[in-house]
Every structure is written in C-alpha cells, then in structure tokens.
C-alpha cells in the first residue's frame, strides 16, 4: 500500500479482510483497497463485510462459489435444481452471480450468463 502515494501502483486489493481490518486501514490513513477477495457463497454470505465494502466503494470478489462442494446435496438446493431442470452447482453459481459484484472462477461458461440475463433463473 505504500506504493500508491508515490504513483508506483494505482490501486490495491486485499484478501480475506474483515471489517476490523478495513477499518484499521482507514483509521491509519492508508489507501482504500479497490477489491476485497473473500470466501463468499450462499452458505457464507459475510453480509457485514459486503455491506462495509459497498458503503466504501470496495468491490467484493468472492471465491469458492460452490462452497467447496459441501452443500451440493442440500435438500432445498436439489429441489431448486430439479424445478429448473438444472444442477445444484448451476443454481449455486447463479445465486452467487445475483448476490455479489464479482466472483473469481476457475471456470465460467457463457450459458450461465445467458440464463441470468434472460431471467430463466
């Protein structure tokens, strides 16, 4: 972060910063990060961090959008998947896309966006 004031970089991103970390930066007079990358999925909403970031112009980048596969057999999730003739993973990704600003994916197929944009899901 010390490179921002001397114009060696334009912006800084952070990972896994909670509200208290971000507040610590603000109180210390450090530059506001552009992005905060946090684990974020339907089972881990981290609403306090998301709200803080939105209030301070920090983009939230969620990682682990499928919750490491731990909830793919959840009854509500599989019911939604069945209702929309889809998979639990697809329903989870769509939920993530509708919830956060940006998701870090190792994959993202264009058909996901097509369903979101057309309102199929």
C-alpha atoms as a PDB file:
ATOM      1  CA  UNK A   1       0.000   0.000   0.000  1.00  0.00           C
ATOM      2  CA  UNK A   2       2.948   2.297   0.410  1.00  0.00           C
ATOM      3  CA  UNK A   3       3.378   2.286  -3.391  1.00  0.00           C
ATOM      4  CA  UNK A   4       0.066   4.043  -4.082  1.00  0.00           C
ATOM      5  CA  UNK A   5       1.037   7.522  -2.769  1.00  0.00           C
ATOM      6  CA  UNK A   6       4.223   7.575  -4.845  1.00  0.00           C
ATOM      7  CA  UNK A   7       2.353   6.519  -8.004  1.00  0.00           C
ATOM      8  CA  UNK A   8       4.045   3.153  -8.434  1.00  0.00           C
ATOM      9  CA  UNK A   9       0.621   1.496  -8.482  1.00  0.00           C
ATOM     10  CA  UNK A  10      -2.871   2.857  -8.987  1.00  0.00           C
ATOM     11  CA  UNK A  11      -4.867   0.576  -6.748  1.00  0.00           C
ATOM     12  CA  UNK A  12      -4.520  -2.149  -4.157  1.00  0.00           C
ATOM     13  CA  UNK A  13      -6.559  -5.253  -3.495  1.00  0.00           C
ATOM     14  CA  UNK A  14      -6.738  -7.269  -0.297  1.00  0.00           C
ATOM     15  CA  UNK A  15      -7.768 -10.815   0.560  1.00  0.00           C
ATOM     16  CA  UNK A  16      -9.818 -12.063   3.489  1.00  0.00           C
ATOM     17  CA  UNK A  17     -10.052  -8.658   5.168  1.00  0.00           C
ATOM     18  CA  UNK A  18     -12.835  -8.362   7.705  1.00  0.00           C
ATOM     19  CA  UNK A  19     -14.487  -5.103   8.703  1.00  0.00           C
ATOM     20  CA  UNK A  20     -11.998  -4.598  11.541  1.00  0.00           C
ATOM     21  CA  UNK A  21      -9.075  -4.972   9.110  1.00  0.00           C
ATOM     22  CA  UNK A  22     -10.597  -2.496   6.650  1.00  0.00           C
ATOM     23  CA  UNK A  23     -11.384  -0.067   9.466  1.00  0.00           C
ATOM     24  CA  UNK A  24      -7.796  -0.389  10.664  1.00  0.00           C
ATOM     25  CA  UNK A  25      -6.555   0.678   7.230  1.00  0.00           C
ATOM     26  CA  UNK A  26      -8.949   3.627   7.177  1.00  0.00           C
ATOM     27  CA  UNK A  27      -8.000   4.796  10.666  1.00  0.00           C
ATOM     28  CA  UNK A  28      -4.294   4.514   9.815  1.00  0.00           C
ATOM     29  CA  UNK A  29      -4.819   6.790   6.812  1.00  0.00           C
ATOM     30  CA  UNK A  30      -3.911   4.070   4.326  1.00  0.00           C
ATOM     31  CA  UNK A  31      -5.417   3.978   0.818  1.00  0.00           C
ATOM     32  CA  UNK A  32      -8.795   2.294   0.492  1.00  0.00           C
ATOM     33  CA  UNK A  33      -8.433  -1.053  -1.285  1.00  0.00           C
ATOM     34  CA  UNK A  34     -10.145  -1.360  -4.654  1.00  0.00           C
ATOM     35  CA  UNK A  35     -11.060  -5.012  -4.123  1.00  0.00           C
ATOM     36  CA  UNK A  36     -11.543  -7.332  -1.156  1.00  0.00           C
ATOM     37  CA  UNK A  37     -11.428 -11.012  -2.108  1.00  0.00           C
ATOM     38  CA  UNK A  38     -13.296 -13.176   0.410  1.00  0.00           C
ATOM     39  CA  UNK A  39     -14.840 -16.633   0.526  1.00  0.00           C
ATOM     40  CA  UNK A  40     -18.422 -15.991  -0.458  1.00  0.00           C
ATOM     41  CA  UNK A  41     -21.240 -18.360  -1.398  1.00  0.00           C
ATOM     42  CA  UNK A  42     -24.872 -18.975  -0.399  1.00  0.00           C
ATOM     43  CA  UNK A  43     -23.854 -20.685   2.834  1.00  0.00           C
ATOM     44  CA  UNK A  44     -21.362 -17.952   3.758  1.00  0.00           C
ATOM     45  CA  UNK A  45     -22.819 -14.541   2.909  1.00  0.00           C
ATOM     46  CA  UNK A  46     -20.447 -12.391   5.030  1.00  0.00           C
ATOM     47  CA  UNK A  47     -23.060  -9.622   4.950  1.00  0.00           C
ATOM     48  CA  UNK A  48     -21.178  -7.327   7.338  1.00  0.00           C
ATOM     49  CA  UNK A  49     -18.114  -7.326   5.092  1.00  0.00           C
ATOM     50  CA  UNK A  50     -20.180  -6.970   1.891  1.00  0.00           C
ATOM     51  CA  UNK A  51     -22.130  -4.026   3.367  1.00  0.00           C
ATOM     52  CA  UNK A  52     -18.949  -2.299   4.550  1.00  0.00           C
ATOM     53  CA  UNK A  53     -17.307  -2.735   1.163  1.00  0.00           C
ATOM     54  CA  UNK A  54     -20.363  -1.399  -0.679  1.00  0.00           C
ATOM     55  CA  UNK A  55     -20.504   1.649   1.600  1.00  0.00           C
ATOM     56  CA  UNK A  56     -16.828   2.414   0.972  1.00  0.00           C
ATOM     57  CA  UNK A  57     -16.631   1.716  -2.772  1.00  0.00           C
ATOM     58  CA  UNK A  58     -14.691  -1.548  -2.439  1.00  0.00           C
ATOM     59  CA  UNK A  59     -15.527  -4.273  -4.959  1.00  0.00           C
ATOM     60  CA  UNK A  60     -16.244  -7.641  -3.360  1.00  0.00           C
ATOM     61  CA  UNK A  61     -14.660 -10.558  -5.190  1.00  0.00           C
ATOM     62  CA  UNK A  62     -15.987 -13.864  -3.962  1.00  0.00           C
ATOM     63  CA  UNK A  63     -14.048 -17.078  -4.217  1.00  0.00           C
ATOM     64  CA  UNK A  64     -15.109 -20.682  -3.642  1.00  0.00           C
ATOM     65  CA  UNK A  65     -18.545 -20.071  -5.213  1.00  0.00           C
ATOM     66  CA  UNK A  66     -19.519 -23.731  -4.905  1.00  0.00           C
ATOM     67  CA  UNK A  67     -18.712 -23.878  -1.184  1.00  0.00           C
ATOM     68  CA  UNK A  68     -16.082 -26.500  -1.943  1.00  0.00           C
ATOM     69  CA  UNK A  69     -18.901 -28.849  -2.978  1.00  0.00           C
ATOM     70  CA  UNK A  70     -20.038 -29.325   0.610  1.00  0.00           C
ATOM     71  CA  UNK A  71     -23.687 -28.405   0.016  1.00  0.00           C
ATOM     72  CA  UNK A  72     -24.429 -29.993  -3.329  1.00  0.00           C
ATOM     73  CA  UNK A  73     -26.813 -32.497  -1.676  1.00  0.00           C
ATOM     74  CA  UNK A  74     -28.742 -29.878   0.308  1.00  0.00           C
ATOM     75  CA  UNK A  75     -32.493 -30.612   0.016  1.00  0.00           C
ATOM     76  CA  UNK A  76     -33.523 -27.040  -0.838  1.00  0.00           C
ATOM     77  CA  UNK A  77     -30.751 -26.742  -3.392  1.00  0.00           C
ATOM     78  CA  UNK A  78     -31.545 -30.044  -5.092  1.00  0.00           C
ATOM     79  CA  UNK A  79     -35.260 -29.130  -5.126  1.00  0.00           C
ATOM     80  CA  UNK A  80     -34.460 -25.861  -6.930  1.00  0.00           C
ATOM     81  CA  UNK A  81     -32.197 -27.697  -9.335  1.00  0.00           C
ATOM     82  CA  UNK A  82     -34.958 -30.179 -10.087  1.00  0.00           C
ATOM     83  CA  UNK A  83     -37.543 -27.408 -10.514  1.00  0.00           C
ATOM     84  CA  UNK A  84     -35.367 -25.599 -13.082  1.00  0.00           C
ATOM     85  CA  UNK A  85     -34.057 -28.789 -14.723  1.00  0.00           C
ATOM     86  CA  UNK A  86     -30.524 -27.892 -13.740  1.00  0.00           C
ATOM     87  CA  UNK A  87     -27.775 -28.953 -11.355  1.00  0.00           C
ATOM     88  CA  UNK A  88     -27.167 -27.897  -7.774  1.00  0.00           C
ATOM     89  CA  UNK A  89     -23.837 -26.408  -8.871  1.00  0.00           C
ATOM     90  CA  UNK A  90     -25.534 -24.284 -11.559  1.00  0.00           C
ATOM     91  CA  UNK A  91     -28.168 -22.999  -9.109  1.00  0.00           C
ATOM     92  CA  UNK A  92     -25.404 -22.127  -6.630  1.00  0.00           C
ATOM     93  CA  UNK A  93     -23.400 -20.224  -9.250  1.00  0.00           C
ATOM     94  CA  UNK A  94     -26.459 -18.273 -10.380  1.00  0.00           C
ATOM     95  CA  UNK A  95     -27.201 -17.391  -6.772  1.00  0.00           C
ATOM     96  CA  UNK A  96     -23.639 -16.194  -6.373  1.00  0.00           C
ATOM     97  CA  UNK A  97     -23.835 -14.095  -9.542  1.00  0.00           C
ATOM     98  CA  UNK A  98     -27.024 -12.425  -8.402  1.00  0.00           C
ATOM     99  CA  UNK A  99     -25.590 -11.676  -4.962  1.00  0.00           C
ATOM    100  CA  UNK A 100     -22.076 -10.322  -5.388  1.00  0.00           C
ATOM    101  CA  UNK A 101     -20.302  -7.889  -7.661  1.00  0.00           C
ATOM    102  CA  UNK A 102     -17.599 -10.205  -8.899  1.00  0.00           C
ATOM    103  CA  UNK A 103     -16.797 -13.868  -8.462  1.00  0.00           C
ATOM    104  CA  UNK A 104     -13.426 -15.425  -9.016  1.00  0.00           C
ATOM    105  CA  UNK A 105     -13.964 -18.526 -11.114  1.00  0.00           C
ATOM    106  CA  UNK A 106     -11.643 -21.113 -12.470  1.00  0.00           C
ATOM    107  CA  UNK A 107     -14.461 -21.563 -14.985  1.00  0.00           C
ATOM    108  CA  UNK A 108     -17.484 -19.635 -16.203  1.00  0.00           C
ATOM    109  CA  UNK A 109     -19.406 -20.786 -19.212  1.00  0.00           C
ATOM    110  CA  UNK A 110     -21.315 -18.268 -21.272  1.00  0.00           C
ATOM    111  CA  UNK A 111     -24.568 -20.211 -20.860  1.00  0.00           C
ATOM    112  CA  UNK A 112     -24.588 -19.222 -17.179  1.00  0.00           C
ATOM    113  CA  UNK A 113     -24.804 -15.570 -18.174  1.00  0.00           C
ATOM    114  CA  UNK A 114     -27.389 -16.344 -20.831  1.00  0.00           C
ATOM    115  CA  UNK A 115     -29.723 -17.835 -18.229  1.00  0.00           C
ATOM    116  CA  UNK A 116     -29.162 -14.962 -15.805  1.00  0.00           C
ATOM    117  CA  UNK A 117     -29.662 -12.242 -18.422  1.00  0.00           C
ATOM    118  CA  UNK A 118     -32.792 -13.797 -19.916  1.00  0.00           C
ATOM    119  CA  UNK A 119     -34.311 -14.396 -16.493  1.00  0.00           C
ATOM    120  CA  UNK A 120     -34.596 -18.154 -16.933  1.00  0.00           C
ATOM    121  CA  UNK A 121     -33.395 -18.472 -13.367  1.00  0.00           C
END
